[in-house]
Amino acid sequence: ETRDLLAAAFPGRVWAVPCDVTDEAAVRRL
């Protein structure tokens, strides 16, 4: 929802990656 809201206001400048900061693999993916 946040990505879509911001991307509508700033097209082409917003990307999102799910990330749980307690998960080292997820941090690397981010």
Full PDB file with SEQRES, HELIX, SHEET, SSBOND, CRYST1, ORIGX, SCALE, CONECT and MASTER records, all heavy atoms in Angstrom:
SEQRES   1 A   30  GLU THR ARG ASP LEU LEU ALA ALA ALA PHE PRO GLY ARG          
SEQRES   2 A   30  VAL TRP ALA VAL PRO CYS ASP VAL THR ASP GLU ALA ALA          
SEQRES   3 A   30  VAL ARG ARG LEU                                              
HELIX    1 AA1 THR A    2  ALA A    9  1                                   8    
HELIX    2 AA2 GLU A   24  ARG A   29  1                                   6    
CRYST1    1.000    1.000    1.000  90.00  90.00  90.00 P 1           1          
ORIGX1      1.000000  0.000000  0.000000        0.00000                         
ORIGX2      0.000000  1.000000  0.000000        0.00000                         
ORIGX3      0.000000  0.000000  1.000000        0.00000                         
SCALE1      1.000000  0.000000  0.000000        0.00000                         
SCALE2      0.000000  1.000000  0.000000        0.00000                         
SCALE3      0.000000  0.000000  1.000000        0.00000                         
ATOM      1  N   GLU A   1       0.822  -1.206   0.000  1.00  0.00           N  
ATOM      2  CA  GLU A   1       0.000   0.000   0.000  1.00  0.00           C  
ATOM      3  C   GLU A   1       0.860   1.262   0.000  1.00  0.00           C  
ATOM      4  O   GLU A   1       0.570   2.228  -0.723  1.00  0.00           O  
ATOM      5  CB  GLU A   1      -0.927  -0.007   1.224  1.00  0.00           C  
ATOM      6  CG  GLU A   1      -2.007  -1.076   1.156  1.00  0.00           C  
ATOM      7  CD  GLU A   1      -2.771  -1.231   2.467  1.00  0.00           C  
ATOM      8  OE1 GLU A   1      -2.362  -0.629   3.488  1.00  0.00           O  
ATOM      9  OE2 GLU A   1      -3.787  -1.954   2.466  1.00  0.00           O  
ATOM     10  N   THR A   2       1.917   1.252   0.811  1.00  0.00           N  
ATOM     11  CA  THR A   2       2.811   2.409   0.864  1.00  0.00           C  
ATOM     12  C   THR A   2       3.531   2.589  -0.458  1.00  0.00           C  
ATOM     13  O   THR A   2       3.668   3.710  -0.964  1.00  0.00           O  
ATOM     14  CB  THR A   2       3.826   2.247   2.012  1.00  0.00           C  
ATOM     15  OG1 THR A   2       3.121   2.066   3.248  1.00  0.00           O  
ATOM     16  CG2 THR A   2       4.731   3.457   2.114  1.00  0.00           C  
ATOM     17  N   ARG A   3       4.000   1.486  -1.037  1.00  0.00           N  
ATOM     18  CA  ARG A   3       4.665   1.551  -2.352  1.00  0.00           C  
ATOM     19  C   ARG A   3       3.738   2.161  -3.389  1.00  0.00           C  
ATOM     20  O   ARG A   3       4.132   3.069  -4.140  1.00  0.00           O  
ATOM     21  CB  ARG A   3       5.087   0.151  -2.788  1.00  0.00           C  
ATOM     22  CG  ARG A   3       5.715   0.077  -4.176  1.00  0.00           C  
ATOM     23  CD  ARG A   3       5.593  -1.323  -4.741  1.00  0.00           C  
ATOM     24  NE  ARG A   3       4.195  -1.739  -4.844  1.00  0.00           N  
ATOM     25  CZ  ARG A   3       3.767  -2.994  -4.643  1.00  0.00           C  
ATOM     26  NH1 ARG A   3       4.608  -3.968  -4.356  1.00  0.00           N  
ATOM     27  NH2 ARG A   3       2.483  -3.264  -4.759  1.00  0.00           N  
ATOM     28  N   ASP A   4       2.499   1.688  -3.447  1.00  0.00           N  
ATOM     29  CA  ASP A   4       1.564   2.177  -4.458  1.00  0.00           C  
ATOM     30  C   ASP A   4       1.260   3.662  -4.256  1.00  0.00           C  
ATOM     31  O   ASP A   4       1.177   4.430  -5.227  1.00  0.00           O  
ATOM     32  CB  ASP A   4       0.267   1.369  -4.410  1.00  0.00           C  
ATOM     33  CG  ASP A   4       0.467  -0.073  -4.850  1.00  0.00           C  
ATOM     34  OD1 ASP A   4       1.534  -0.381  -5.433  1.00  0.00           O  
ATOM     35  OD2 ASP A   4      -0.433  -0.892  -4.604  1.00  0.00           O  
ATOM     36  N   LEU A   5       1.097   4.067  -3.006  1.00  0.00           N  
ATOM     37  CA  LEU A   5       0.801   5.466  -2.702  1.00  0.00           C  
ATOM     38  C   LEU A   5       1.951   6.375  -3.137  1.00  0.00           C  
ATOM     39  O   LEU A   5       1.745   7.403  -3.796  1.00  0.00           O  
ATOM     40  CB  LEU A   5       0.537   5.620  -1.204  1.00  0.00           C  
ATOM     41  CG  LEU A   5       0.209   7.032  -0.703  1.00  0.00           C  
ATOM     42  CD1 LEU A   5      -1.128   7.497  -1.269  1.00  0.00           C  
ATOM     43  CD2 LEU A   5       0.167   7.055   0.826  1.00  0.00           C  
ATOM     44  N   LEU A   6       3.170   5.979  -2.780  1.00  0.00           N  
ATOM     45  CA  LEU A   6       4.323   6.815  -3.113  1.00  0.00           C  
ATOM     46  C   LEU A   6       4.647   6.758  -4.601  1.00  0.00           C  
ATOM     47  O   LEU A   6       5.048   7.776  -5.195  1.00  0.00           O  
ATOM     48  CB  LEU A   6       5.529   6.390  -2.288  1.00  0.00           C  
ATOM     49  CG  LEU A   6       5.433   6.660  -0.782  1.00  0.00           C  
ATOM     50  CD1 LEU A   6       6.647   6.095  -0.051  1.00  0.00           C  
ATOM     51  CD2 LEU A   6       5.282   8.144  -0.493  1.00  0.00           C  
ATOM     52  N   ALA A   7       4.474   5.591  -5.200  1.00  0.00           N  
ATOM     53  CA  ALA A   7       4.768   5.458  -6.633  1.00  0.00           C  
ATOM     54  C   ALA A   7       3.819   6.300  -7.474  1.00  0.00           C  
ATOM     55  O   ALA A   7       4.197   6.795  -8.546  1.00  0.00           O  
ATOM     56  CB  ALA A   7       4.690   3.991  -7.047  1.00  0.00           C  
ATOM     57  N   ALA A   8       2.587   6.477  -6.995  1.00  0.00           N  
ATOM     58  CA  ALA A   8       1.644   7.323  -7.731  1.00  0.00           C  
ATOM     59  C   ALA A   8       2.099   8.778  -7.723  1.00  0.00           C  
ATOM     60  O   ALA A   8       1.892   9.515  -8.701  1.00  0.00           O  
ATOM     61  CB  ALA A   8       0.246   7.205  -7.110  1.00  0.00           C  
ATOM     62  N   ALA A   9       2.727   9.193  -6.627  1.00  0.00           N  
ATOM     63  CA  ALA A   9       3.193  10.575  -6.518  1.00  0.00           C  
ATOM     64  C   ALA A   9       4.575  10.771  -7.132  1.00  0.00           C  
ATOM     65  O   ALA A   9       4.908  11.879  -7.577  1.00  0.00           O  
ATOM     66  CB  ALA A   9       3.218  10.999  -5.051  1.00  0.00           C  
ATOM     67  N   PHE A  10       5.369   9.684  -7.169  1.00  0.00           N  
ATOM     68  CA  PHE A  10       6.755   9.772  -7.665  1.00  0.00           C  
ATOM     69  C   PHE A  10       7.003   8.610  -8.630  1.00  0.00           C  
ATOM     70  O   PHE A  10       7.745   7.673  -8.311  1.00  0.00           O  
ATOM     71  CB  PHE A  10       7.743   9.721  -6.502  1.00  0.00           C  
ATOM     72  CG  PHE A  10       7.517  10.783  -5.456  1.00  0.00           C  
ATOM     73  CD1 PHE A  10       6.753  10.518  -4.333  1.00  0.00           C  
ATOM     74  CD2 PHE A  10       8.079  12.054  -5.607  1.00  0.00           C  
ATOM     75  CE1 PHE A  10       6.545  11.492  -3.366  1.00  0.00           C  
ATOM     76  CE2 PHE A  10       7.881  13.030  -4.642  1.00  0.00           C  
ATOM     77  CZ  PHE A  10       7.099  12.757  -3.524  1.00  0.00           C  
ATOM     78  N   PRO A  11       6.416   8.641  -9.808  1.00  0.00           N  
ATOM     79  CA  PRO A  11       6.514   7.510 -10.740  1.00  0.00           C  
ATOM     80  C   PRO A  11       7.956   7.167 -11.094  1.00  0.00           C  
ATOM     81  O   PRO A  11       8.787   8.048 -11.326  1.00  0.00           O  
ATOM     82  CB  PRO A  11       5.756   8.017 -11.981  1.00  0.00           C  
ATOM     83  CG  PRO A  11       4.884   9.124 -11.485  1.00  0.00           C  
ATOM     84  CD  PRO A  11       5.627   9.764 -10.362  1.00  0.00           C  
ATOM     85  N   GLY A  12       8.240   5.858 -11.079  1.00  0.00           N  
ATOM     86  CA  GLY A  12       9.546   5.375 -11.491  1.00  0.00           C  
ATOM     87  C   GLY A  12      10.651   5.535 -10.466  1.00  0.00           C  
ATOM     88  O   GLY A  12      11.793   5.195 -10.740  1.00  0.00           O  
ATOM     89  N   ARG A  13      10.312   6.020  -9.275  1.00  0.00           N  
ATOM     90  CA  ARG A  13      11.355   6.282  -8.279  1.00  0.00           C  
ATOM     91  C   ARG A  13      11.144   5.514  -6.981  1.00  0.00           C  
ATOM     92  O   ARG A  13      11.822   5.780  -5.993  1.00  0.00           O  
ATOM     93  CB  ARG A  13      11.421   7.785  -7.988  1.00  0.00           C  
ATOM     94  CG  ARG A  13      11.958   8.580  -9.177  1.00  0.00           C  
ATOM     95  CD  ARG A  13      11.755  10.065  -8.999  1.00  0.00           C  
ATOM     96  NE  ARG A  13      12.239  10.509  -7.708  1.00  0.00           N  
ATOM     97  CZ  ARG A  13      11.811  11.623  -7.099  1.00  0.00           C  
ATOM     98  NH1 ARG A  13      10.885  12.385  -7.675  1.00  0.00           N  
ATOM     99  NH2 ARG A  13      12.305  11.972  -5.931  1.00  0.00           N  
ATOM    100  N   VAL A  14      10.225   4.543  -6.982  1.00  0.00           N  
ATOM    101  CA  VAL A  14       9.921   3.787  -5.758  1.00  0.00           C  
ATOM    102  C   VAL A  14       9.956   2.297  -6.059  1.00  0.00           C  
ATOM    103  O   VAL A  14       9.387   1.846  -7.063  1.00  0.00           O  
ATOM    104  CB  VAL A  14       8.536   4.167  -5.194  1.00  0.00           C  
ATOM    105  CG1 VAL A  14       8.272   3.418  -3.897  1.00  0.00           C  
ATOM    106  CG2 VAL A  14       8.418   5.673  -4.983  1.00  0.00           C  
ATOM    107  N   TRP A  15      10.624   1.546  -5.207  1.00  0.00           N  
ATOM    108  CA  TRP A  15      10.684   0.088  -5.311  1.00  0.00           C  
ATOM    109  C   TRP A  15      10.481  -0.464  -3.916  1.00  0.00           C  
ATOM    110  O   TRP A  15      10.760   0.224  -2.918  1.00  0.00           O  
ATOM    111  CB  TRP A  15      12.024  -0.341  -5.884  1.00  0.00           C  
ATOM    112  CG  TRP A  15      12.146  -1.800  -6.244  1.00  0.00           C  
ATOM    113  CD1 TRP A  15      12.945  -2.737  -5.648  1.00  0.00           C  
ATOM    114  CD2 TRP A  15      11.467  -2.472  -7.298  1.00  0.00           C  
ATOM    115  NE1 TRP A  15      12.802  -3.954  -6.260  1.00  0.00           N  
ATOM    116  CE2 TRP A  15      11.891  -3.825  -7.285  1.00  0.00           C  
ATOM    117  CE3 TRP A  15      10.530  -2.073  -8.250  1.00  0.00           C  
ATOM    118  CZ2 TRP A  15      11.421  -4.766  -8.180  1.00  0.00           C  
ATOM    119  CZ3 TRP A  15      10.054  -3.010  -9.153  1.00  0.00           C  
ATOM    120  CH2 TRP A  15      10.501  -4.337  -9.106  1.00  0.00           C  
ATOM    121  N   ALA A  16       9.996  -1.673  -3.798  1.00  0.00           N  
ATOM    122  CA  ALA A  16       9.755  -2.260  -2.479  1.00  0.00           C  
ATOM    123  C   ALA A  16      10.220  -3.704  -2.451  1.00  0.00           C  
ATOM    124  O   ALA A  16      10.039  -4.444  -3.433  1.00  0.00           O  
ATOM    125  CB  ALA A  16       8.271  -2.182  -2.123  1.00  0.00           C  
ATOM    126  N   VAL A  17      10.815  -4.092  -1.320  1.00  0.00           N  
ATOM    127  CA  VAL A  17      11.276  -5.458  -1.104  1.00  0.00           C  
ATOM    128  C   VAL A  17      10.865  -5.872   0.305  1.00  0.00           C  
ATOM    129  O   VAL A  17      11.270  -5.225   1.276  1.00  0.00           O  
ATOM    130  CB  VAL A  17      12.813  -5.579  -1.235  1.00  0.00           C  
ATOM    131  CG1 VAL A  17      13.254  -7.019  -0.989  1.00  0.00           C  
ATOM    132  CG2 VAL A  17      13.284  -5.094  -2.601  1.00  0.00           C  
ATOM    133  N   PRO A  18      10.052  -6.919   0.464  1.00  0.00           N  
ATOM    134  CA  PRO A  18       9.715  -7.365   1.819  1.00  0.00           C  
ATOM    135  C   PRO A  18      10.977  -7.712   2.599  1.00  0.00           C  
ATOM    136  O   PRO A  18      11.881  -8.357   2.060  1.00  0.00           O  
ATOM    137  CB  PRO A  18       8.846  -8.606   1.574  1.00  0.00           C  
ATOM    138  CG  PRO A  18       8.295  -8.424   0.190  1.00  0.00           C  
ATOM    139  CD  PRO A  18       9.375  -7.726  -0.573  1.00  0.00           C  
ATOM    140  N   CYS A  19      11.039  -7.281   3.845  1.00  0.00           N  
ATOM    141  CA  CYS A  19      12.249  -7.538   4.630  1.00  0.00           C  
ATOM    142  C   CYS A  19      11.941  -7.580   6.111  1.00  0.00           C  
ATOM    143  O   CYS A  19      11.434  -6.613   6.685  1.00  0.00           O  
ATOM    144  CB  CYS A  19      13.300  -6.465   4.360  1.00  0.00           C  
ATOM    145  SG  CYS A  19      14.829  -6.730   5.293  1.00  0.00           S  
ATOM    146  N   ASP A  20      12.257  -8.706   6.717  1.00  0.00           N  
ATOM    147  CA  ASP A  20      12.256  -8.869   8.171  1.00  0.00           C  
ATOM    148  C   ASP A  20      13.705  -8.727   8.623  1.00  0.00           C  
ATOM    149  O   ASP A  20      14.556  -9.541   8.262  1.00  0.00           O  
ATOM    150  CB  ASP A  20      11.706 -10.256   8.521  1.00  0.00           C  
ATOM    151  CG  ASP A  20      11.753 -10.561  10.014  1.00  0.00           C  
ATOM    152  OD1 ASP A  20      12.340  -9.776  10.789  1.00  0.00           O  
ATOM    153  OD2 ASP A  20      11.207 -11.614  10.405  1.00  0.00           O  
ATOM    154  N   VAL A  21      14.001  -7.679   9.387  1.00  0.00           N  
ATOM    155  CA  VAL A  21      15.401  -7.396   9.718  1.00  0.00           C  
ATOM    156  C   VAL A  21      16.007  -8.413  10.679  1.00  0.00           C  
ATOM    157  O   VAL A  21      17.217  -8.379  10.934  1.00  0.00           O  
ATOM    158  CB  VAL A  21      15.569  -5.972  10.290  1.00  0.00           C  
ATOM    159  CG1 VAL A  21      15.120  -4.931   9.269  1.00  0.00           C  
ATOM    160  CG2 VAL A  21      14.831  -5.805  11.617  1.00  0.00           C  
ATOM    161  N   THR A  22      15.196  -9.331  11.209  1.00  0.00           N  
ATOM    162  CA  THR A  22      15.747 -10.406  12.037  1.00  0.00           C  
ATOM    163  C   THR A  22      16.220 -11.586  11.196  1.00  0.00           C  
ATOM    164  O   THR A  22      16.781 -12.541  11.730  1.00  0.00           O  
ATOM    165  CB  THR A  22      14.714 -10.913  13.062  1.00  0.00           C  
ATOM    166  OG1 THR A  22      13.652 -11.602  12.389  1.00  0.00           O  
ATOM    167  CG2 THR A  22      14.139  -9.777  13.887  1.00  0.00           C  
ATOM    168  N   ASP A  23      16.014 -11.512   9.887  1.00  0.00           N  
ATOM    169  CA  ASP A  23      16.351 -12.598   8.958  1.00  0.00           C  
ATOM    170  C   ASP A  23      17.500 -12.129   8.064  1.00  0.00           C  
ATOM    171  O   ASP A  23      17.321 -11.250   7.213  1.00  0.00           O  
ATOM    172  CB  ASP A  23      15.113 -12.936   8.127  1.00  0.00           C  
ATOM    173  CG  ASP A  23      15.335 -14.079   7.151  1.00  0.00           C  
ATOM    174  OD1 ASP A  23      16.498 -14.412   6.846  1.00  0.00           O  
ATOM    175  OD2 ASP A  23      14.325 -14.630   6.666  1.00  0.00           O  
ATOM    176  N   GLU A  24      18.683 -12.697   8.254  1.00  0.00           N  
ATOM    177  CA  GLU A  24      19.858 -12.273   7.498  1.00  0.00           C  
ATOM    178  C   GLU A  24      19.651 -12.431   5.997  1.00  0.00           C  
ATOM    179  O   GLU A  24      20.066 -11.570   5.203  1.00  0.00           O  
ATOM    180  CB  GLU A  24      21.084 -13.072   7.953  1.00  0.00           C  
ATOM    181  CG  GLU A  24      22.336 -12.853   7.128  1.00  0.00           C  
ATOM    182  CD  GLU A  24      22.848 -11.420   7.163  1.00  0.00           C  
ATOM    183  OE1 GLU A  24      22.512 -10.682   8.106  1.00  0.00           O  
ATOM    184  OE2 GLU A  24      23.578 -11.039   6.225  1.00  0.00           O  
ATOM    185  N   ALA A  25      18.994 -13.510   5.579  1.00  0.00           N  
ATOM    186  CA  ALA A  25      18.761 -13.706   4.144  1.00  0.00           C  
ATOM    187  C   ALA A  25      17.849 -12.616   3.591  1.00  0.00           C  
ATOM    188  O   ALA A  25      18.048 -12.125   2.470  1.00  0.00           O  
ATOM    189  CB  ALA A  25      18.163 -15.088   3.892  1.00  0.00           C  
ATOM    190  N   ALA A  26      16.842 -12.228   4.365  1.00  0.00           N  
ATOM    191  CA  ALA A  26      15.935 -11.168   3.927  1.00  0.00           C  
ATOM    192  C   ALA A  26      16.660  -9.834   3.817  1.00  0.00           C  
ATOM    193  O   ALA A  26      16.399  -9.047   2.907  1.00  0.00           O  
ATOM    194  CB  ALA A  26      14.758 -11.053   4.893  1.00  0.00           C  
ATOM    195  N   VAL A  27      17.566  -9.566   4.735  1.00  0.00           N  
ATOM    196  CA  VAL A  27      18.362  -8.336   4.677  1.00  0.00           C  
ATOM    197  C   VAL A  27      19.214  -8.322   3.408  1.00  0.00           C  
ATOM    198  O   VAL A  27      19.304  -7.298   2.708  1.00  0.00           O  
ATOM    199  CB  VAL A  27      19.228  -8.192   5.941  1.00  0.00           C  
ATOM    200  CG1 VAL A  27      20.249  -7.073   5.779  1.00  0.00           C  
ATOM    201  CG2 VAL A  27      18.346  -7.946   7.163  1.00  0.00           C  
ATOM    202  N   ARG A  28      19.833  -9.440   3.098  1.00  0.00           N  
ATOM    203  CA  ARG A  28      20.640  -9.516   1.877  1.00  0.00           C  
ATOM    204  C   ARG A  28      19.779  -9.293   0.639  1.00  0.00           C  
ATOM    205  O   ARG A  28      20.212  -8.652  -0.326  1.00  0.00           O  
ATOM    206  CB  ARG A  28      21.364 -10.861   1.797  1.00  0.00           C  
ATOM    207  CG  ARG A  28      22.514 -11.006   2.784  1.00  0.00           C  
ATOM    208  CD  ARG A  28      23.435 -12.151   2.383  1.00  0.00           C  
ATOM    209  NE  ARG A  28      22.745 -13.429   2.340  1.00  0.00           N  
ATOM    210  CZ  ARG A  28      22.672 -14.284   3.358  1.00  0.00           C  
ATOM    211  NH1 ARG A  28      23.255 -13.993   4.512  1.00  0.00           N  
ATOM    212  NH2 ARG A  28      22.031 -15.432   3.235  1.00  0.00           N  
ATOM    213  N   ARG A  29      18.543  -9.820   0.671  1.00  0.00           N  
ATOM    214  CA  ARG A  29      17.640  -9.609  -0.479  1.00  0.00           C  
ATOM    215  C   ARG A  29      17.266  -8.133  -0.629  1.00  0.00           C  
ATOM    216  O   ARG A  29      17.130  -7.632  -1.748  1.00  0.00           O  
ATOM    217  CB  ARG A  29      16.378 -10.466  -0.323  1.00  0.00           C  
ATOM    218  CG  ARG A  29      16.591 -11.947  -0.619  1.00  0.00           C  
ATOM    219  CD  ARG A  29      15.275 -12.694  -0.762  1.00  0.00           C  
ATOM    220  NE  ARG A  29      14.493 -12.698   0.465  1.00  0.00           N  
ATOM    221  CZ  ARG A  29      14.602 -13.628   1.419  1.00  0.00           C  
ATOM    222  NH1 ARG A  29      15.486 -14.623   1.277  1.00  0.00           N  
ATOM    223  NH2 ARG A  29      13.858 -13.579   2.499  1.00  0.00           N  
ATOM    224  N   LEU A  30      17.084  -7.442   0.490  1.00  0.00           N  
ATOM    225  CA  LEU A  30      16.741  -6.025   0.432  1.00  0.00           C  
ATOM    226  C   LEU A  30      17.871  -5.216  -0.211  1.00  0.00           C  
ATOM    227  O   LEU A  30      17.646  -4.449  -1.151  1.00  0.00           O  
ATOM    228  CB  LEU A  30      16.449  -5.491   1.834  1.00  0.00           C  
ATOM    229  CG  LEU A  30      16.225  -3.991   1.953  1.00  0.00           C  
ATOM    230  CD1 LEU A  30      14.997  -3.547   1.161  1.00  0.00           C  
ATOM    231  CD2 LEU A  30      16.102  -3.578   3.426  1.00  0.00           C  
TER     232      LEU A  30                                                      
MASTER        0    0    0    2    0    0    0    6  231    1    0    3          
END                                                                             
